[in-house]
Protein backbone atom coordinates (compact mmCIF):
# COMPACT_ATOMS: atom_id res chain seq x y z
CA MET A 1 177.79 -8.51 210.20
CA ALA A 2 180.85 -9.36 212.45
CA VAL A 3 184.29 -7.80 212.45
CA LEU A 4 186.93 -9.96 213.98
CA GLY A 5 189.69 -7.60 215.10
CA PRO A 6 188.42 -4.00 214.85
CA GLY A 7 191.81 -2.37 214.44
CA GLY A 8 192.64 -0.01 211.58
CA VAL A 9 191.14 -2.06 208.73
CA GLY A 10 188.35 -3.61 210.64
CA GLY A 11 187.44 -0.44 212.47
CA LEU A 12 187.33 1.54 209.40
CA LEU A 13 185.02 -0.78 207.53
CA GLY A 14 182.96 -1.49 210.54
CA THR A 15 182.34 2.25 211.06
CA LEU A 16 181.38 2.82 207.52
CA LEU A 17 179.03 -0.26 207.44
CA ALA A 18 177.44 0.75 210.76
CA ARG A 19 177.00 4.32 209.48
CA GLN A 20 174.89 2.98 206.72
CA GLY A 21 172.61 1.05 209.02
CA HIS A 22 174.14 -2.34 209.07
CA ALA A 23 174.24 -4.11 212.39
CA VAL A 24 177.94 -4.56 213.18
CA THR A 25 179.27 -6.70 216.00
CA CYS A 26 182.93 -6.21 216.76
CA LEU A 27 184.81 -9.18 218.25
CA ALA A 28 187.68 -8.08 220.36
CA ARG A 29 189.60 -8.30 223.64
CA PRO A 30 187.50 -7.47 226.72
CA GLY A 31 188.59 -3.90 227.09
CA THR A 32 188.01 -3.09 223.30
CA ALA A 33 184.76 -4.98 223.24
CA ALA A 34 183.42 -3.15 226.24
CA GLN A 35 184.57 0.30 224.96
CA ILE A 36 182.78 -0.27 221.60
CA GLU A 37 179.62 -1.63 223.28
CA ARG A 38 179.44 1.61 225.29
CA HIS A 39 180.60 4.17 222.78
CA GLY A 40 180.35 2.63 219.33
CA LEU A 41 183.03 3.25 216.71
CA ARG A 42 184.78 6.55 215.78
CA LEU A 43 186.69 7.39 212.55
CA ALA A 44 188.77 10.37 211.61
CA SER A 45 189.39 10.18 207.89
CA ASP A 46 190.77 12.42 205.15
CA ARG A 47 188.20 10.83 202.73
CA TYR A 48 185.09 10.27 204.93
CA GLY A 49 185.57 12.98 207.50
CA GLU A 50 184.64 12.55 211.31
CA VAL A 51 182.23 9.66 211.69
CA THR A 52 180.68 8.03 214.87
CA ALA A 53 178.57 4.96 214.45
CA THR A 54 176.71 2.74 216.85
CA ALA A 55 178.15 -0.87 216.99
CA SER A 56 178.07 -3.77 219.43
CA GLY A 57 181.18 -5.09 221.08
CA ALA A 58 181.64 -8.69 222.22
CA GLU A 59 184.44 -11.02 223.19
CA ARG A 60 183.09 -13.92 221.25
CA LEU A 61 180.48 -14.57 218.58
CA THR A 62 177.33 -16.00 220.19
CA GLY A 63 174.71 -15.67 217.46
CA PRO A 64 174.43 -16.09 213.64
CA VAL A 65 175.62 -13.51 211.19
CA ASP A 66 175.62 -13.32 207.44
CA ALA A 67 179.19 -12.37 207.07
CA CYS A 68 182.39 -11.91 208.95
CA LEU A 69 185.37 -9.74 208.17
CA VAL A 70 188.60 -11.14 209.57
CA THR A 71 190.92 -8.30 210.06
CA PRO A 72 193.41 -8.83 212.86
CA LYS A 73 197.22 -8.76 212.15
CA ALA A 74 198.43 -12.14 210.95
CA THR A 75 200.43 -12.52 214.06
CA ARG A 76 197.27 -12.51 216.10
CA LEU A 77 195.09 -14.60 213.86
CA GLU A 78 195.11 -17.89 215.74
CA GLU A 79 194.32 -16.08 218.99
CA ALA A 80 191.58 -14.06 217.37
CA LEU A 81 189.81 -17.06 215.91
CA GLU A 82 189.03 -18.37 219.29
CA ARG A 83 186.45 -15.57 219.35
CA LEU A 84 184.82 -17.10 216.31
CA PRO A 85 183.34 -20.64 217.09
CA ALA A 86 182.72 -22.65 213.99
CA PRO A 87 179.39 -24.09 215.17
CA VAL A 88 178.15 -20.52 215.78
CA LEU A 89 179.52 -19.14 212.49
CA GLY A 90 177.90 -21.88 210.50
CA ASP A 91 177.71 -21.25 206.74
CA ALA A 92 178.39 -17.53 206.91
CA VAL A 93 180.57 -15.77 204.43
CA VAL A 94 184.12 -15.28 205.86
CA VAL A 95 186.27 -12.59 204.09
CA PRO A 96 189.84 -12.22 205.47
CA LEU A 97 191.56 -8.89 204.68
CA LEU A 98 195.03 -10.00 205.81
CA ASN A 99 198.47 -9.76 204.47
CA GLY A 100 199.95 -12.81 203.00
CA LEU A 101 198.47 -16.15 201.52
CA GLU A 102 198.53 -18.95 203.98
CA HIS A 103 195.49 -17.67 206.02
CA MET A 104 193.07 -18.99 203.31
CA ALA A 105 193.90 -22.68 203.91
CA LEU A 106 193.78 -22.14 207.67
CA LEU A 107 190.33 -20.61 207.58
CA ARG A 108 188.89 -23.17 205.19
CA GLN A 109 190.23 -26.01 207.40
CA ARG A 110 188.83 -24.33 210.61
CA TYR A 111 185.44 -23.36 209.17
CA PRO A 112 184.48 -26.09 206.72
CA ALA A 113 180.76 -25.08 206.60
CA ALA A 114 181.51 -21.41 205.90
CA ARG A 115 182.21 -19.76 202.61
CA VAL A 116 185.68 -18.38 202.82
CA VAL A 117 186.12 -15.81 200.07
CA ALA A 118 189.45 -14.24 199.36
CA GLY A 119 189.79 -10.45 199.84
CA SER A 120 192.45 -7.78 199.97
CA ILE A 121 192.33 -4.12 200.94
CA ARG A 122 194.65 -1.26 200.06
CA VAL A 123 194.35 1.56 202.70
CA VAL A 124 196.31 3.45 205.18
CA ALA A 125 194.53 3.16 208.53
CA SER A 126 195.53 2.63 212.06
CA ARG A 127 193.78 2.16 215.54
CA THR A 128 194.59 5.17 217.71
CA ALA A 129 192.50 3.86 220.70
CA PRO A 130 190.04 1.10 221.31
CA GLY A 131 187.18 1.70 218.87
CA VAL A 132 188.89 4.76 217.29
CA VAL A 133 190.57 4.73 213.79
CA ARG A 134 192.58 7.21 211.82
CA HIS A 135 192.36 6.90 207.97
CA GLU A 136 194.99 8.77 206.13
CA GLY A 137 194.55 9.78 202.41
CA ALA A 138 191.82 8.71 200.02
CA LEU A 139 192.74 5.10 199.35
CA ALA A 140 190.16 2.63 200.56
CA ALA A 141 190.01 -0.15 197.90
CA VAL A 142 188.73 -3.71 198.56
CA GLN A 143 188.95 -6.54 196.10
CA LEU A 144 186.96 -9.77 196.47
CA THR A 145 186.53 -13.03 194.67
CA PRO A 146 183.05 -14.19 193.84
CA GLY A 147 180.78 -15.48 196.65
CA ALA A 148 180.46 -12.34 198.73
CA GLU A 149 178.24 -10.23 196.54
CA ALA A 150 176.01 -9.02 199.34
CA LEU A 151 179.10 -7.81 201.24
CA ALA A 152 180.57 -6.24 198.15
CA ASP A 153 177.30 -4.34 197.68
CA ALA A 154 177.32 -3.23 201.30
CA LEU A 155 180.88 -1.97 201.32
CA ALA A 156 180.28 -0.12 197.98
CA GLY A 157 177.16 1.48 199.42
CA ALA A 158 179.28 2.50 202.42
CA GLY A 159 181.53 4.40 200.23
CA VAL A 160 184.42 1.94 199.70
CA ASP A 161 186.00 1.25 196.25
CA VAL A 162 185.01 -2.37 195.55
CA ALA A 163 186.04 -4.68 192.74
CA VAL A 164 185.25 -8.31 192.21
CA ARG A 165 187.70 -10.38 190.34
CA PRO A 166 187.57 -14.08 189.46
CA ASP A 167 191.16 -15.18 190.27
CA GLU A 168 191.90 -15.96 193.91
CA ALA A 169 195.57 -16.49 193.30
CA GLY A 170 195.87 -13.25 191.29
CA LEU A 171 194.03 -11.26 193.97
CA LEU A 172 196.34 -12.45 196.74
CA TRP A 173 199.61 -12.19 194.86
CA ASP A 174 198.79 -8.86 193.40
CA LYS A 175 199.11 -7.20 196.71
CA LEU A 176 202.01 -9.34 197.90
CA CYS A 177 204.07 -8.63 194.78
CA PHE A 178 204.29 -5.07 195.96
CA LEU A 179 204.07 -5.47 199.74
CA ALA A 180 206.66 -7.98 200.16
CA PRO A 181 209.55 -6.16 198.51
CA VAL A 182 208.59 -2.92 200.07
CA ALA A 183 208.02 -4.24 203.57
CA LEU A 184 211.15 -6.27 203.58
CA LEU A 185 213.46 -3.52 202.33
CA THR A 186 211.94 -0.61 204.37
CA THR A 187 212.25 -2.86 207.52
CA THR A 188 215.77 -3.96 206.77
CA HIS A 189 217.02 -0.35 206.32
CA ASP A 190 214.48 1.34 208.56
CA ALA A 191 213.91 3.86 205.71
CA PRO A 192 210.96 5.06 203.65
CA LEU A 193 210.48 3.90 200.08
CA GLY A 194 212.09 6.87 198.54
CA VAL A 195 215.34 6.12 200.19
CA ILE A 196 214.96 2.48 199.13
CA ARG A 197 214.48 3.53 195.52
CA GLU A 198 217.48 5.73 195.53
CA GLN A 199 219.91 3.69 197.55
CA GLN A 200 218.67 0.02 197.28
CA GLY A 201 217.41 0.07 193.63
CA ASP A 202 219.14 -3.21 192.69
CA ASP A 203 217.65 -5.14 195.65
CA LEU A 204 214.18 -3.66 195.12
CA ARG A 205 214.25 -4.68 191.47
CA ALA A 206 215.51 -8.23 192.37
CA LEU A 207 212.89 -8.76 195.03
CA VAL A 208 209.99 -7.66 192.79
CA GLU A 209 211.29 -9.97 190.05
CA GLU A 210 211.72 -12.90 192.36
CA VAL A 211 208.25 -12.52 194.07
CA ALA A 212 206.62 -12.15 190.71
CA ALA A 213 208.24 -15.35 189.51
CA VAL A 214 206.90 -17.15 192.60
CA ALA A 215 203.43 -15.65 191.92
CA ARG A 216 203.49 -17.00 188.39
CA ALA A 217 204.44 -20.42 189.62
CA ASP A 218 201.56 -20.34 191.93
CA GLY A 219 199.09 -19.65 189.18
CA ALA A 220 198.95 -15.86 189.26
CA VAL A 221 199.54 -13.31 186.39
CA ALA A 222 202.36 -11.15 187.77
CA ASP A 223 204.11 -8.28 185.87
CA ALA A 224 207.35 -7.33 187.60
CA GLY A 225 207.60 -4.24 185.36
CA ALA A 226 204.19 -2.93 186.29
CA THR A 227 204.90 -3.47 190.04
CA LEU A 228 208.25 -1.64 189.71
CA ALA A 229 206.48 1.17 187.91
CA PHE A 230 203.86 1.42 190.63
CA ALA A 231 206.62 1.43 193.29
CA GLN A 232 208.18 4.42 191.52
CA SER A 233 204.91 6.26 191.61
CA VAL A 234 204.24 5.87 195.26
CA PRO A 235 205.19 8.94 197.48
CA GLY A 236 208.76 8.59 198.70
CA GLY A 237 207.77 9.07 202.30
CA MET A 238 205.86 5.76 202.38
CA THR A 239 206.80 3.36 205.20
CA SER A 240 205.49 -0.07 205.75
CA SER A 241 203.59 -1.46 208.76
CA MET A 242 206.32 -4.09 209.25
CA GLN A 243 208.95 -1.34 209.41
CA ARG A 244 206.88 0.56 212.00
CA ASP A 245 206.24 -2.54 214.03
CA ALA A 246 209.97 -3.49 214.10
CA ALA A 247 210.98 0.05 215.07
CA SER A 248 208.51 -0.02 218.08
CA GLY A 249 209.64 -3.45 219.12
CA SER A 250 206.24 -4.96 218.28
CA GLU A 251 205.72 -8.34 216.63
CA THR A 252 205.93 -8.16 212.90
CA GLU A 253 204.25 -10.05 210.04
CA LEU A 254 207.60 -11.19 208.61
CA GLU A 255 206.49 -14.71 208.40
CA ALA A 256 203.08 -13.93 206.79
CA ILE A 257 204.80 -11.79 204.17
CA GLY A 258 208.43 -12.68 203.52
CA GLY A 259 208.07 -16.25 204.99
CA ALA A 260 205.09 -17.00 202.88
CA VAL A 261 207.02 -16.07 199.71
CA LEU A 262 209.93 -18.40 200.66
CA ARG A 263 207.60 -21.26 201.40
CA ALA A 264 205.80 -20.86 198.11
CA ALA A 265 209.06 -20.69 196.23
CA GLN A 266 210.20 -23.80 197.90
CA ARG A 267 206.98 -25.58 197.04
CA HIS A 268 207.30 -24.59 193.35
CA GLY A 269 211.15 -24.91 193.09
CA VAL A 270 211.67 -21.20 192.28
CA ASP A 271 215.17 -19.77 193.10
CA VAL A 272 214.83 -16.61 195.24
CA PRO A 273 218.32 -15.78 196.46
CA VAL A 274 217.77 -12.06 197.40
CA THR A 275 214.46 -12.63 199.06
CA THR A 276 216.08 -15.58 200.96
CA ARG A 277 219.02 -13.27 202.12
CA VAL A 278 216.79 -10.44 203.15
CA VAL A 279 214.22 -12.66 205.08
CA THR A 280 217.05 -14.72 206.72
CA ALA A 281 218.66 -11.56 208.03
CA LEU A 282 215.37 -10.16 209.29
CA ARG A 283 214.51 -13.40 211.03
CA ALA A 284 217.86 -13.21 212.91
CA ARG A 285 217.47 -9.58 213.78
CA LEU A 286 213.68 -9.71 214.88
CA SER A 287 213.62 -13.10 216.67
């Protein structure tokens, strides 16, 4: 098993899999790879407790693996893929757990012999140091489409909540229908979701409805009402990773999230005026 990009998501899953006895190789930059090779992976989790697990660290995949989790931020994907040569990867199962949609076509083009299986994860996890991850709360839920049954079993055995669903478009859009409106508005106003609900309710509703319309045009079943209800149920202190990245001056996933919605809307001829306004303003501000 390889993990490309052992940050919050990759580090969490890699630690849990390694704890269960799976051989895990983390593909990362030189300093992180060396740290993991020497000291393994460490996890501090509200759900799983304090976990230390043995894992290998490498800058580049040099031998065959059964599966590879692709977990860098979308902004670092192209760079990270240099660590994953197609001839070495061969026909392995490749599961990206990334925000957005467009990575699926990129991975299938780059790794034509591999089985690229759509996946998504809902979790609050962050890398606090090379090879060290903090997992907040109890949420650790992975969805996969068919084709990665062995990986699904391994993740479930490691304590992750796993579901397999047949619809790739539905899986990818299901997360984006919630993530895009919340990330765009929390970043625009640099405020948590509770403030957005109270002060930007009209924009929140419009964004959810527009993204759901694009999702349906792209072949997914999307219920704007259900998404809005879920957004109302989330704790008001929730922030988004895009908001946190923007506040710290880091590169954001604006294009992978908001840009992807606009490009899909254009492909399908769906009018998304509020999404266009918000993304355009963020592009100008964050460029």
